[in-house]
């Protein structure tokens, strides 16, 4: 069953390629949604996938790419949006 999670990743997760690496992992796992940097230094991810893919994706989010220092990964279940792909949202703040 597909589920939607809003994910907030805190730590040293900006300026080190976190969004680009996460998109590559999402594409490999078939996760749909988007990722964007937040003004406070966190990264926000909206992700939709089946349980197995989501679990692997969350494992990735807890590690991040080389150079990342993930302090926490908070998840909130939300309504399905039926995204078609996984996108990088450019800085909008």
PDB file of N, CA and C in Angstrom:
ATOM      1  N   UNK A   1       0.837  -1.190   0.000  1.00  0.00           N
ATOM      2  CA  UNK A   1       0.000   0.000   0.000  1.00  0.00           C
ATOM      3  C   UNK A   1       0.883   1.257   0.000  1.00  0.00           C
ATOM      4  N   UNK A   2       0.542   2.199  -0.833  1.00  0.00           N
ATOM      5  CA  UNK A   2       1.301   3.447  -0.930  1.00  0.00           C
ATOM      6  C   UNK A   2       0.901   4.370   0.223  1.00  0.00           C
ATOM      7  N   UNK A   3       1.905   4.999   0.833  1.00  0.00           N
ATOM      8  CA  UNK A   3       1.607   5.975   1.879  1.00  0.00           C
ATOM      9  C   UNK A   3       2.393   7.257   1.628  1.00  0.00           C
ATOM     10  N   UNK A   4       1.936   8.333   2.255  1.00  0.00           N
ATOM     11  CA  UNK A   4       2.571   9.646   2.124  1.00  0.00           C
ATOM     12  C   UNK A   4       3.162  10.036   3.473  1.00  0.00           C
ATOM     13  N   UNK A   5       4.426  10.432   3.456  1.00  0.00           N
ATOM     14  CA  UNK A   5       5.066  10.957   4.654  1.00  0.00           C
ATOM     15  C   UNK A   5       5.651  12.322   4.365  1.00  0.00           C
ATOM     16  N   UNK A   6       5.447  13.245   5.284  1.00  0.00           N
ATOM     17  CA  UNK A   6       6.190  14.502   5.284  1.00  0.00           C
ATOM     18  C   UNK A   6       7.373  14.262   6.212  1.00  0.00           C
ATOM     19  N   UNK A   7       8.571  14.551   5.717  1.00  0.00           N
ATOM     20  CA  UNK A   7       9.798  14.226   6.438  1.00  0.00           C
ATOM     21  C   UNK A   7      10.610  15.503   6.633  1.00  0.00           C
ATOM     22  N   UNK A   8      11.049  15.738   7.862  1.00  0.00           N
ATOM     23  CA  UNK A   8      11.932  16.872   8.146  1.00  0.00           C
ATOM     24  C   UNK A   8      13.256  16.304   8.635  1.00  0.00           C
ATOM     25  N   UNK A   9      14.330  16.649   7.912  1.00  0.00           N
ATOM     26  CA  UNK A   9      15.668  16.179   8.263  1.00  0.00           C
ATOM     27  C   UNK A   9      16.441  17.372   8.818  1.00  0.00           C
ATOM     28  N   UNK A  10      16.981  17.203  10.028  1.00  0.00           N
ATOM     29  CA  UNK A  10      17.746  18.282  10.655  1.00  0.00           C
ATOM     30  C   UNK A  10      19.217  17.872  10.762  1.00  0.00           C
ATOM     31  N   UNK A  11      20.074  18.884  10.871  1.00  0.00           N
ATOM     32  CA  UNK A  11      21.515  18.659  10.989  1.00  0.00           C
ATOM     33  C   UNK A  11      22.243  19.436   9.910  1.00  0.00           C
ATOM     34  N   UNK A  12      23.431  18.959   9.563  1.00  0.00           N
ATOM     35  CA  UNK A  12      24.191  19.573   8.467  1.00  0.00           C
ATOM     36  C   UNK A  12      23.732  18.906   7.179  1.00  0.00           C
ATOM     37  N   UNK A  13      22.647  19.464   6.605  1.00  0.00           N
ATOM     38  CA  UNK A  13      22.016  18.829   5.448  1.00  0.00           C
ATOM     39  C   UNK A  13      21.824  19.792   4.273  1.00  0.00           C
ATOM     40  N   UNK A  14      22.394  20.980   4.381  1.00  0.00           N
ATOM     41  CA  UNK A  14      22.354  21.918   3.257  1.00  0.00           C
ATOM     42  C   UNK A  14      23.778  22.245   2.824  1.00  0.00           C
ATOM     43  N   UNK A  15      23.932  22.452   1.518  1.00  0.00           N
ATOM     44  CA  UNK A  15      25.236  22.847   0.988  1.00  0.00           C
ATOM     45  C   UNK A  15      26.199  21.684   0.793  1.00  0.00           C
ATOM     46  N   UNK A  16      25.688  20.452   0.859  1.00  0.00           N
ATOM     47  CA  UNK A  16      26.562  19.292   0.721  1.00  0.00           C
ATOM     48  C   UNK A  16      26.002  18.286  -0.291  1.00  0.00           C
ATOM     49  N   UNK A  17      25.022  18.688  -1.076  1.00  0.00           N
ATOM     50  CA  UNK A  17      24.450  17.808  -2.097  1.00  0.00           C
ATOM     51  C   UNK A  17      23.394  16.858  -1.568  1.00  0.00           C
ATOM     52  N   UNK A  18      22.832  17.164  -0.404  1.00  0.00           N
ATOM     53  CA  UNK A  18      21.824  16.284   0.192  1.00  0.00           C
ATOM     54  C   UNK A  18      20.610  16.117  -0.727  1.00  0.00           C
ATOM     55  N   UNK A  19      20.110  17.222  -1.276  1.00  0.00           N
ATOM     56  CA  UNK A  19      18.914  17.137  -2.130  1.00  0.00           C
ATOM     57  C   UNK A  19      19.176  16.313  -3.383  1.00  0.00           C
ATOM     58  N   UNK A  20      20.322  16.542  -4.026  1.00  0.00           N
ATOM     59  CA  UNK A  20      20.623  15.831  -5.273  1.00  0.00           C
ATOM     60  C   UNK A  20      20.802  14.339  -5.018  1.00  0.00           C
ATOM     61  N   UNK A  21      21.512  13.991  -3.941  1.00  0.00           N
ATOM     62  CA  UNK A  21      21.721  12.581  -3.592  1.00  0.00           C
ATOM     63  C   UNK A  21      20.402  11.915  -3.224  1.00  0.00           C
ATOM     64  N   UNK A  22      19.561  12.636  -2.499  1.00  0.00           N
ATOM     65  CA  UNK A  22      18.268  12.081  -2.087  1.00  0.00           C
ATOM     66  C   UNK A  22      17.381  11.834  -3.296  1.00  0.00           C
ATOM     67  N   UNK A  23      17.415  12.734  -4.274  1.00  0.00           N
ATOM     68  CA  UNK A  23      16.633  12.529  -5.501  1.00  0.00           C
ATOM     69  C   UNK A  23      17.084  11.258  -6.207  1.00  0.00           C
ATOM     70  N   UNK A  24      18.394  11.042  -6.299  1.00  0.00           N
ATOM     71  CA  UNK A  24      18.913   9.842  -6.964  1.00  0.00           C
ATOM     72  C   UNK A  24      18.427   8.578  -6.254  1.00  0.00           C
ATOM     73  N   UNK A  25      18.453   8.587  -4.931  1.00  0.00           N
ATOM     74  CA  UNK A  25      17.986   7.438  -4.153  1.00  0.00           C
ATOM     75  C   UNK A  25      16.477   7.251  -4.341  1.00  0.00           C
ATOM     76  N   UNK A  26      15.732   8.344  -4.297  1.00  0.00           N
ATOM     77  CA  UNK A  26      14.278   8.273  -4.493  1.00  0.00           C
ATOM     78  C   UNK A  26      13.955   7.680  -5.862  1.00  0.00           C
ATOM     79  N   UNK A  27      14.662   8.131  -6.886  1.00  0.00           N
ATOM     80  CA  UNK A  27      14.422   7.615  -8.238  1.00  0.00           C
ATOM     81  C   UNK A  27      14.718   6.111  -8.303  1.00  0.00           C
ATOM     82  N   UNK A  28      15.796   5.676  -7.655  1.00  0.00           N
ATOM     83  CA  UNK A  28      16.150   4.248  -7.637  1.00  0.00           C
ATOM     84  C   UNK A  28      15.081   3.419  -6.939  1.00  0.00           C
ATOM     85  N   UNK A  29      14.529   3.952  -5.851  1.00  0.00           N
ATOM     86  CA  UNK A  29      13.565   3.203  -5.050  1.00  0.00           C
ATOM     87  C   UNK A  29      12.123   3.362  -5.526  1.00  0.00           C
ATOM     88  N   UNK A  30      11.895   4.279  -6.477  1.00  0.00           N
ATOM     89  CA  UNK A  30      10.530   4.514  -6.955  1.00  0.00           C
ATOM     90  C   UNK A  30       9.715   5.394  -6.023  1.00  0.00           C
ATOM     91  N   UNK A  31      10.404   6.185  -5.198  1.00  0.00           N
ATOM     92  CA  UNK A  31       9.719   7.115  -4.297  1.00  0.00           C
ATOM     93  C   UNK A  31       9.330   8.354  -5.092  1.00  0.00           C
ATOM     94  N   UNK A  32       8.098   8.815  -4.906  1.00  0.00           N
ATOM     95  CA  UNK A  32       7.599  10.016  -5.590  1.00  0.00           C
ATOM     96  C   UNK A  32       7.449  11.143  -4.581  1.00  0.00           C
ATOM     97  N   UNK A  33       7.539  12.394  -5.054  1.00  0.00           N
ATOM     98  CA  UNK A  33       7.355  13.545  -4.176  1.00  0.00           C
ATOM     99  C   UNK A  33       8.321  14.655  -4.506  1.00  0.00           C
ATOM    100  N   UNK A  34       8.827  15.337  -3.460  1.00  0.00           N
ATOM    101  CA  UNK A  34       9.784  16.418  -3.689  1.00  0.00           C
ATOM    102  C   UNK A  34      10.636  16.637  -2.445  1.00  0.00           C
ATOM    103  N   UNK A  35      11.728  17.382  -2.649  1.00  0.00           N
ATOM    104  CA  UNK A  35      12.620  17.752  -1.554  1.00  0.00           C
ATOM    105  C   UNK A  35      12.993  19.214  -1.716  1.00  0.00           C
ATOM    106  N   UNK A  36      13.079  19.927  -0.601  1.00  0.00           N
ATOM    107  CA  UNK A  36      13.475  21.336  -0.658  1.00  0.00           C
ATOM    108  C   UNK A  36      14.198  21.738   0.619  1.00  0.00           C
ATOM    109  N   UNK A  37      15.070  22.728   0.489  1.00  0.00           N
ATOM    110  CA  UNK A  37      15.730  23.315   1.652  1.00  0.00           C
ATOM    111  C   UNK A  37      14.762  24.252   2.348  1.00  0.00           C
ATOM    112  N   UNK A  38      14.862  24.306   3.667  1.00  0.00           N
ATOM    113  CA  UNK A  38      14.058  25.227   4.464  1.00  0.00           C
ATOM    114  C   UNK A  38      14.948  26.369   4.946  1.00  0.00           C
ATOM    115  N   UNK A  39      14.366  27.554   5.198  1.00  0.00           N
ATOM    116  CA  UNK A  39      15.160  28.707   5.647  1.00  0.00           C
ATOM    117  C   UNK A  39      15.928  28.454   6.942  1.00  0.00           C
ATOM    118  N   UNK A  40      15.436  27.546   7.791  1.00  0.00           N
ATOM    119  CA  UNK A  40      16.078  27.301   9.084  1.00  0.00           C
ATOM    120  C   UNK A  40      17.229  26.300   9.016  1.00  0.00           C
ATOM    121  N   UNK A  41      17.573  25.832   7.800  1.00  0.00           N
ATOM    122  CA  UNK A  41      18.684  24.901   7.645  1.00  0.00           C
ATOM    123  C   UNK A  41      18.262  23.445   7.546  1.00  0.00           C
ATOM    124  N   UNK A  42      16.981  23.157   7.767  1.00  0.00           N
ATOM    125  CA  UNK A  42      16.480  21.791   7.627  1.00  0.00           C
ATOM    126  C   UNK A  42      16.192  21.481   6.164  1.00  0.00           C
ATOM    127  N   UNK A  43      15.912  20.218   5.892  1.00  0.00           N
ATOM    128  CA  UNK A  43      15.446  19.798   4.577  1.00  0.00           C
ATOM    129  C   UNK A  43      14.055  19.208   4.766  1.00  0.00           C
ATOM    130  N   UNK A  44      13.115  19.597   3.885  1.00  0.00           N
ATOM    131  CA  UNK A  44      11.752  19.067   3.915  1.00  0.00           C
ATOM    132  C   UNK A  44      11.565  18.139   2.725  1.00  0.00           C
ATOM    133  N   UNK A  45      10.999  16.959   2.991  1.00  0.00           N
ATOM    134  CA  UNK A  45      10.723  15.979   1.938  1.00  0.00           C
ATOM    135  C   UNK A  45       9.264  15.550   2.037  1.00  0.00           C
ATOM    136  N   UNK A  46       8.577  15.583   0.914  1.00  0.00           N
ATOM    137  CA  UNK A  46       7.261  14.949   0.801  1.00  0.00           C
ATOM    138  C   UNK A  46       7.503  13.685  -0.006  1.00  0.00           C
ATOM    139  N   UNK A  47       7.184  12.523   0.575  1.00  0.00           N
ATOM    140  CA  UNK A  47       7.506  11.257  -0.077  1.00  0.00           C
ATOM    141  C   UNK A  47       6.311  10.320  -0.090  1.00  0.00           C
ATOM    142  N   UNK A  48       6.136   9.632  -1.230  1.00  0.00           N
ATOM    143  CA  UNK A  48       5.090   8.631  -1.367  1.00  0.00           C
ATOM    144  C   UNK A  48       5.703   7.356  -1.935  1.00  0.00           C
ATOM    145  N   UNK A  49       5.457   6.247  -1.248  1.00  0.00           N
ATOM    146  CA  UNK A  49       5.998   4.957  -1.683  1.00  0.00           C
ATOM    147  C   UNK A  49       5.311   3.840  -0.902  1.00  0.00           C
ATOM    148  N   UNK A  50       5.574   2.595  -1.330  1.00  0.00           N
ATOM    149  CA  UNK A  50       5.081   1.460  -0.556  1.00  0.00           C
ATOM    150  C   UNK A  50       5.946   1.307   0.694  1.00  0.00           C
ATOM    151  N   UNK A  51       5.517   0.446   1.604  1.00  0.00           N
ATOM    152  CA  UNK A  51       6.182   0.312   2.903  1.00  0.00           C
ATOM    153  C   UNK A  51       7.663  -0.051   2.781  1.00  0.00           C
ATOM    154  N   UNK A  52       7.983  -0.992   1.931  1.00  0.00           N
ATOM    155  CA  UNK A  52       9.379  -1.453   1.813  1.00  0.00           C
ATOM    156  C   UNK A  52      10.266  -0.339   1.256  1.00  0.00           C
ATOM    157  N   UNK A  53       9.830   0.304   0.179  1.00  0.00           N
ATOM    158  CA  UNK A  53      10.621   1.399  -0.410  1.00  0.00           C
ATOM    159  C   UNK A  53      10.742   2.562   0.567  1.00  0.00           C
ATOM    160  N   UNK A  54       9.660   2.864   1.284  1.00  0.00           N
ATOM    161  CA  UNK A  54       9.687   3.978   2.237  1.00  0.00           C
ATOM    162  C   UNK A  54      10.667   3.680   3.367  1.00  0.00           C
ATOM    163  N   UNK A  55      10.701   2.455   3.839  1.00  0.00           N
ATOM    164  CA  UNK A  55      11.619   2.085   4.903  1.00  0.00           C
ATOM    165  C   UNK A  55      13.076   2.259   4.446  1.00  0.00           C
ATOM    166  N   UNK A  56      13.378   1.820   3.217  1.00  0.00           N
ATOM    167  CA  UNK A  56      14.738   1.981   2.688  1.00  0.00           C
ATOM    168  C   UNK A  56      15.064   3.466   2.493  1.00  0.00           C
ATOM    169  N   UNK A  57      14.073   4.231   2.045  1.00  0.00           N
ATOM    170  CA  UNK A  57      14.273   5.665   1.835  1.00  0.00           C
ATOM    171  C   UNK A  57      14.546   6.364   3.168  1.00  0.00           C
ATOM    172  N   UNK A  58      13.796   6.012   4.201  1.00  0.00           N
ATOM    173  CA  UNK A  58      14.013   6.619   5.519  1.00  0.00           C
ATOM    174  C   UNK A  58      15.383   6.231   6.084  1.00  0.00           C
ATOM    175  N   UNK A  59      15.811   5.000   5.823  1.00  0.00           N
ATOM    176  CA  UNK A  59      17.168   4.598   6.232  1.00  0.00           C
ATOM    177  C   UNK A  59      18.192   5.523   5.584  1.00  0.00           C
ATOM    178  N   UNK A  60      18.010   5.795   4.292  1.00  0.00           N
ATOM    179  CA  UNK A  60      18.906   6.714   3.576  1.00  0.00           C
ATOM    180  C   UNK A  60      18.869   8.108   4.207  1.00  0.00           C
ATOM    181  N   UNK A  61      17.674   8.604   4.489  1.00  0.00           N
ATOM    182  CA  UNK A  61      17.536   9.948   5.062  1.00  0.00           C
ATOM    183  C   UNK A  61      18.262  10.064   6.403  1.00  0.00           C
ATOM    184  N   UNK A  62      18.325   8.984   7.156  1.00  0.00           N
ATOM    185  CA  UNK A  62      19.014   8.999   8.444  1.00  0.00           C
ATOM    186  C   UNK A  62      20.535   9.022   8.288  1.00  0.00           C
ATOM    187  N   UNK A  63      21.025   8.621   7.116  1.00  0.00           N
ATOM    188  CA  UNK A  63      22.472   8.629   6.850  1.00  0.00           C
ATOM    189  C   UNK A  63      22.868   9.840   6.016  1.00  0.00           C
ATOM    190  N   UNK A  64      22.196  10.012   4.878  1.00  0.00           N
ATOM    191  CA  UNK A  64      22.531  11.088   3.953  1.00  0.00           C
ATOM    192  C   UNK A  64      23.815  10.802   3.205  1.00  0.00           C
ATOM    193  N   UNK A  65      24.205  11.713   2.330  1.00  0.00           N
ATOM    194  CA  UNK A  65      25.429  11.536   1.554  1.00  0.00           C
ATOM    195  C   UNK A  65      26.663  11.824   2.407  1.00  0.00           C
ATOM    196  N   UNK A  66      27.814  11.531   1.842  1.00  0.00           N
ATOM    197  CA  UNK A  66      29.068  11.848   2.521  1.00  0.00           C
ATOM    198  C   UNK A  66      29.105  13.345   2.821  1.00  0.00           C
ATOM    199  N   UNK A  67      29.493  13.689   4.020  1.00  0.00           N
ATOM    200  CA  UNK A  67      29.549  15.096   4.420  1.00  0.00           C
ATOM    201  C   UNK A  67      28.340  15.549   5.213  1.00  0.00           C
ATOM    202  N   UNK A  68      27.255  14.764   5.153  1.00  0.00           N
ATOM    203  CA  UNK A  68      26.055  15.121   5.916  1.00  0.00           C
ATOM    204  C   UNK A  68      26.218  14.686   7.369  1.00  0.00           C
ATOM    205  N   UNK A  69      25.598  15.445   8.260  1.00  0.00           N
ATOM    206  CA  UNK A  69      25.507  15.064   9.662  1.00  0.00           C
ATOM    207  C   UNK A  69      24.036  15.170  10.047  1.00  0.00           C
ATOM    208  N   UNK A  70      23.332  14.065   9.955  1.00  0.00           N
ATOM    209  CA  UNK A  70      21.897  14.054  10.240  1.00  0.00           C
ATOM    210  C   UNK A  70      21.691  13.949  11.743  1.00  0.00           C
ATOM    211  N   UNK A  71      20.993  14.935  12.301  1.00  0.00           N
ATOM    212  CA  UNK A  71      20.672  14.924  13.732  1.00  0.00           C
ATOM    213  C   UNK A  71      19.365  14.205  14.012  1.00  0.00           C
ATOM    214  N   UNK A  72      18.355  14.458  13.161  1.00  0.00           N
ATOM    215  CA  UNK A  72      17.068  13.797  13.365  1.00  0.00           C
ATOM    216  C   UNK A  72      16.289  13.733  12.060  1.00  0.00           C
ATOM    217  N   UNK A  73      15.385  12.760  12.002  1.00  0.00           N
ATOM    218  CA  UNK A  73      14.461  12.605  10.881  1.00  0.00           C
ATOM    219  C   UNK A  73      13.074  12.441  11.495  1.00  0.00           C
ATOM    220  N   UNK A  74      12.234  13.460  11.314  1.00  0.00           N
ATOM    221  CA  UNK A  74      10.872  13.429  11.851  1.00  0.00           C
ATOM    222  C   UNK A  74       9.903  13.151  10.708  1.00  0.00           C
ATOM    223  N   UNK A  75       8.959  12.258  10.942  1.00  0.00           N
ATOM    224  CA  UNK A  75       7.981  11.928   9.910  1.00  0.00           C
ATOM    225  C   UNK A  75       6.562  12.183  10.405  1.00  0.00           C
ATOM    226  N   UNK A  76       5.727  12.623   9.485  1.00  0.00           N
ATOM    227  CA  UNK A  76       4.309  12.821   9.747  1.00  0.00           C
ATOM    228  C   UNK A  76       3.531  12.209   8.589  1.00  0.00           C
ATOM    229  N   UNK A  77       2.566  11.372   8.901  1.00  0.00           N
ATOM    230  CA  UNK A  77       1.719  10.792   7.857  1.00  0.00           C
ATOM    231  C   UNK A  77       0.759  11.865   7.354  1.00  0.00           C
ATOM    232  N   UNK A  78       0.579  11.913   6.038  1.00  0.00           N
ATOM    233  CA  UNK A  78      -0.323  12.898   5.438  1.00  0.00           C
ATOM    234  C   UNK A  78      -1.113  12.233   4.311  1.00  0.00           C
ATOM    235  N   UNK A  79      -2.018  13.001   3.752  1.00  0.00           N
ATOM    236  CA  UNK A  79      -2.879  12.509   2.680  1.00  0.00           C
ATOM    237  C   UNK A  79      -2.082  12.299   1.398  1.00  0.00           C
ATOM    238  N   UNK A  80      -2.383  11.227   0.664  1.00  0.00           N
ATOM    239  CA  UNK A  80      -1.724  10.956  -0.615  1.00  0.00           C
ATOM    240  C   UNK A  80      -1.970  12.085  -1.607  1.00  0.00           C
ATOM    241  N   UNK A  81      -0.916  12.480  -2.300  1.00  0.00           N
ATOM    242  CA  UNK A  81      -1.034  13.523  -3.324  1.00  0.00           C
ATOM    243  C   UNK A  81      -0.863  12.930  -4.730  1.00  0.00           C
ATOM    244  N   UNK A  82      -0.437  11.674  -4.808  1.00  0.00           N
ATOM    245  CA  UNK A  82      -0.238  10.985  -6.091  1.00  0.00           C
ATOM    246  C   UNK A  82       0.752  11.705  -7.002  1.00  0.00           C
ATOM    247  N   UNK A  83       1.929  11.988  -6.462  1.00  0.00           N
ATOM    248  CA  UNK A  83       2.992  12.605  -7.267  1.00  0.00           C
ATOM    249  C   UNK A  83       3.381  11.671  -8.405  1.00  0.00           C
ATOM    250  N   UNK A  84       3.840  12.252  -9.507  1.00  0.00           N
ATOM    251  CA  UNK A  84       4.241  11.460 -10.674  1.00  0.00           C
ATOM    252  C   UNK A  84       5.717  11.123 -10.673  1.00  0.00           C
ATOM    253  N   UNK A  85       6.521  11.948  -9.989  1.00  0.00           N
ATOM    254  CA  UNK A  85       7.964  11.721  -9.944  1.00  0.00           C
ATOM    255  C   UNK A  85       8.517  12.361  -8.679  1.00  0.00           C
ATOM    256  N   UNK A  86       9.843  12.408  -8.571  1.00  0.00           N
ATOM    257  CA  UNK A  86      10.478  13.035  -7.412  1.00  0.00           C
ATOM    258  C   UNK A  86      11.251  14.238  -7.910  1.00  0.00           C
ATOM    259  N   UNK A  87      10.971  15.406  -7.352  1.00  0.00           N
ATOM    260  CA  UNK A  87      11.550  16.641  -7.871  1.00  0.00           C
ATOM    261  C   UNK A  87      12.348  17.393  -6.823  1.00  0.00           C
ATOM    262  N   UNK A  88      13.354  18.103  -7.302  1.00  0.00           N
ATOM    263  CA  UNK A  88      14.087  19.059  -6.480  1.00  0.00           C
ATOM    264  C   UNK A  88      13.373  20.384  -6.577  1.00  0.00           C
ATOM    265  N   UNK A  89      13.029  20.954  -5.450  1.00  0.00           N
ATOM    266  CA  UNK A  89      12.427  22.281  -5.455  1.00  0.00           C
ATOM    267  C   UNK A  89      13.550  23.270  -5.166  1.00  0.00           C
ATOM    268  N   UNK A  90      13.721  24.216  -6.068  1.00  0.00           N
ATOM    269  CA  UNK A  90      14.789  25.206  -5.894  1.00  0.00           C
ATOM    270  C   UNK A  90      14.478  26.104  -4.716  1.00  0.00           C
ATOM    271  N   UNK A  91      15.490  26.759  -4.229  1.00  0.00           N
ATOM    272  CA  UNK A  91      15.320  27.651  -3.080  1.00  0.00           C
ATOM    273  C   UNK A  91      14.217  28.661  -3.360  1.00  0.00           C
ATOM    274  N   UNK A  92      13.272  28.718  -2.460  1.00  0.00           N
ATOM    275  CA  UNK A  92      12.165  29.649  -2.646  1.00  0.00           C
ATOM    276  C   UNK A  92      11.968  30.547  -1.454  1.00  0.00           C
ATOM    277  N   UNK A  93      12.983  30.642  -0.586  1.00  0.00           N
ATOM    278  CA  UNK A  93      12.787  31.471   0.605  1.00  0.00           C
ATOM    279  C   UNK A  93      13.637  32.696   0.577  1.00  0.00           C
TER     280      UNK A  93
END
